[in-house]
Protein backbone atom coordinates (compact mmCIF):
# COMPACT_ATOMS: atom_id res chain seq x y z
CA MET A 1 -22.49 11.67 -16.97
CA GLY A 2 -22.42 7.88 -17.07
CA ILE A 3 -19.74 7.37 -19.71
CA ASN A 4 -17.48 10.07 -18.20
CA ALA A 5 -17.90 8.55 -14.74
CA LEU A 6 -16.97 5.11 -16.10
CA GLY A 7 -13.75 6.52 -17.55
CA ALA A 8 -12.89 8.38 -14.35
CA GLY A 9 -13.64 5.31 -12.24
CA LEU A 10 -11.52 3.09 -14.47
CA SER A 11 -8.59 5.50 -14.30
CA GLY A 12 -8.96 5.51 -10.50
CA LEU A 13 -8.90 1.70 -10.42
CA ASN A 14 -5.77 1.59 -12.57
CA ALA A 15 -3.91 4.33 -10.68
CA ASN A 16 -4.65 2.84 -7.25
CA GLN A 17 -3.66 -0.66 -8.44
CA GLN A 18 -0.36 0.70 -9.75
CA ALA A 19 0.21 2.55 -6.46
CA LEU A 20 -0.41 -0.70 -4.55
CA ASN A 21 2.15 -2.38 -6.82
CA VAL A 22 4.70 0.34 -5.97
CA GLU A 23 4.24 -0.20 -2.22
CA GLY A 24 4.44 -3.98 -2.67
CA HIS A 25 7.67 -3.54 -4.64
CA ASN A 26 9.09 -1.30 -1.90
CA ILE A 27 8.24 -3.77 0.87
CA ALA A 28 9.49 -6.78 -1.11
CA ASN A 29 12.85 -5.13 -1.73
CA MET A 30 13.34 -3.36 1.60
CA SER A 31 16.18 -5.72 2.60
CA THR A 32 18.02 -5.36 -0.70
CA ALA A 33 21.31 -3.50 -0.29
CA GLY A 34 21.27 -0.11 -2.00
CA PHE A 35 17.54 -0.27 -2.78
CA ARG A 36 15.89 3.10 -3.30
CA PRO A 37 12.14 2.96 -2.67
CA GLN A 38 9.73 4.43 -5.18
CA ARG A 39 6.91 6.89 -4.58
CA ALA A 40 3.55 6.93 -6.31
CA GLN A 41 2.40 10.41 -7.33
CA PHE A 42 -1.21 10.88 -8.43
CA ASN A 43 -1.87 13.49 -11.13
CA GLU A 44 -5.06 14.81 -12.67
CA ALA A 45 -5.65 13.41 -16.14
CA ASN A 46 -6.01 15.67 -19.13
CA PRO A 47 -8.62 17.09 -19.75
CA ALA A 48 -9.29 18.11 -16.17
CA GLY A 49 -11.96 16.09 -14.42
CA SER A 50 -11.60 13.05 -16.67
CA GLY A 51 -9.69 10.89 -14.22
CA VAL A 52 -6.31 10.36 -12.63
CA THR A 53 -2.90 9.16 -13.75
CA LEU A 54 0.06 7.93 -11.76
CA SER A 55 3.72 8.67 -12.09
CA VAL A 56 6.34 6.69 -10.21
CA GLU A 57 9.60 8.27 -9.14
CA GLY A 58 12.55 7.10 -7.13
CA ARG A 59 12.66 8.65 -3.68
CA SER A 60 15.73 10.60 -2.76
CA LEU A 61 16.82 9.44 0.64
CA ALA A 62 18.43 11.65 3.23
CA ALA A 63 21.75 10.45 4.62
CA ASN A 64 20.12 9.19 7.83
CA GLU A 65 17.30 7.25 6.11
CA ASP A 66 17.54 3.48 5.74
CA GLY A 67 15.07 3.04 2.89
CA VAL A 68 11.54 1.74 3.27
CA ASP A 69 9.44 2.80 6.24
CA VAL A 70 7.16 -0.19 6.69
CA ALA A 71 4.53 1.71 8.69
CA THR A 72 4.27 4.37 5.98
CA SER A 73 4.10 1.74 3.23
CA LEU A 74 1.33 -0.14 5.01
CA THR A 75 -0.61 3.07 5.64
CA ASN A 76 -0.22 4.03 1.98
CA SER A 77 -1.40 0.56 0.94
CA LEU A 78 -4.57 0.93 3.02
CA THR A 79 -5.18 4.35 1.50
CA TYR A 80 -4.70 3.03 -2.04
CA LYS A 81 -7.02 0.10 -1.34
CA ALA A 82 -9.69 2.50 -0.10
CA GLY A 83 -9.20 4.56 -3.28
CA PHE A 84 -9.54 1.40 -5.36
CA ASP A 85 -12.79 0.49 -3.56
CA LEU A 86 -14.14 4.01 -4.07
CA ALA A 87 -13.32 3.94 -7.79
CA ALA A 88 -15.12 0.58 -8.03
CA GLN A 89 -18.20 2.19 -6.46
CA VAL A 90 -18.03 5.03 -9.00
CA ILE A 91 -18.02 2.46 -11.81
CA LYS A 92 -20.93 0.57 -10.21
CA MET A 93 -23.04 3.72 -9.87
CA ALA A 94 -22.20 4.86 -13.42
CA ASP A 95 -23.21 1.44 -14.73
CA GLU A 96 -26.54 1.71 -12.91
CA ARG A 97 -27.12 5.21 -14.33
CA ILE A 98 -26.33 4.07 -17.87
CA GLY A 99 -28.70 1.12 -17.44
CA THR A 100 -31.43 3.50 -16.26
CA LEU A 101 -30.89 5.80 -19.25
CA ILE A 102 -31.05 2.84 -21.63
CA ASP A 103 -34.29 1.61 -19.98
CA ILE A 104 -35.84 5.08 -20.28
CA SER A 105 -34.85 5.32 -23.96
CA ALA A 106 -36.26 1.91 -24.85
């Protein structure tokens, strides 16, 4: 359980960090003419249950959209930060479990 949880937690850290980078990129470029914001899409890693991956795609904008919705980007950023914190807790707990298993074996 411990090693698998470490891998899943690490993939969660990486995916949420990349998603935060996407939102930062969108906000930083929101005033750039012709800028098309990107969207972070989380996907289950292969094999199932081993973690998460992230794909980044350009958003297709409707004719009446201006680009980046700051409120949505900030909300997404808070969600991704919470996901990052949760993944860090998974890693912390897995590390404690591995330490306990090593102590029992010794």
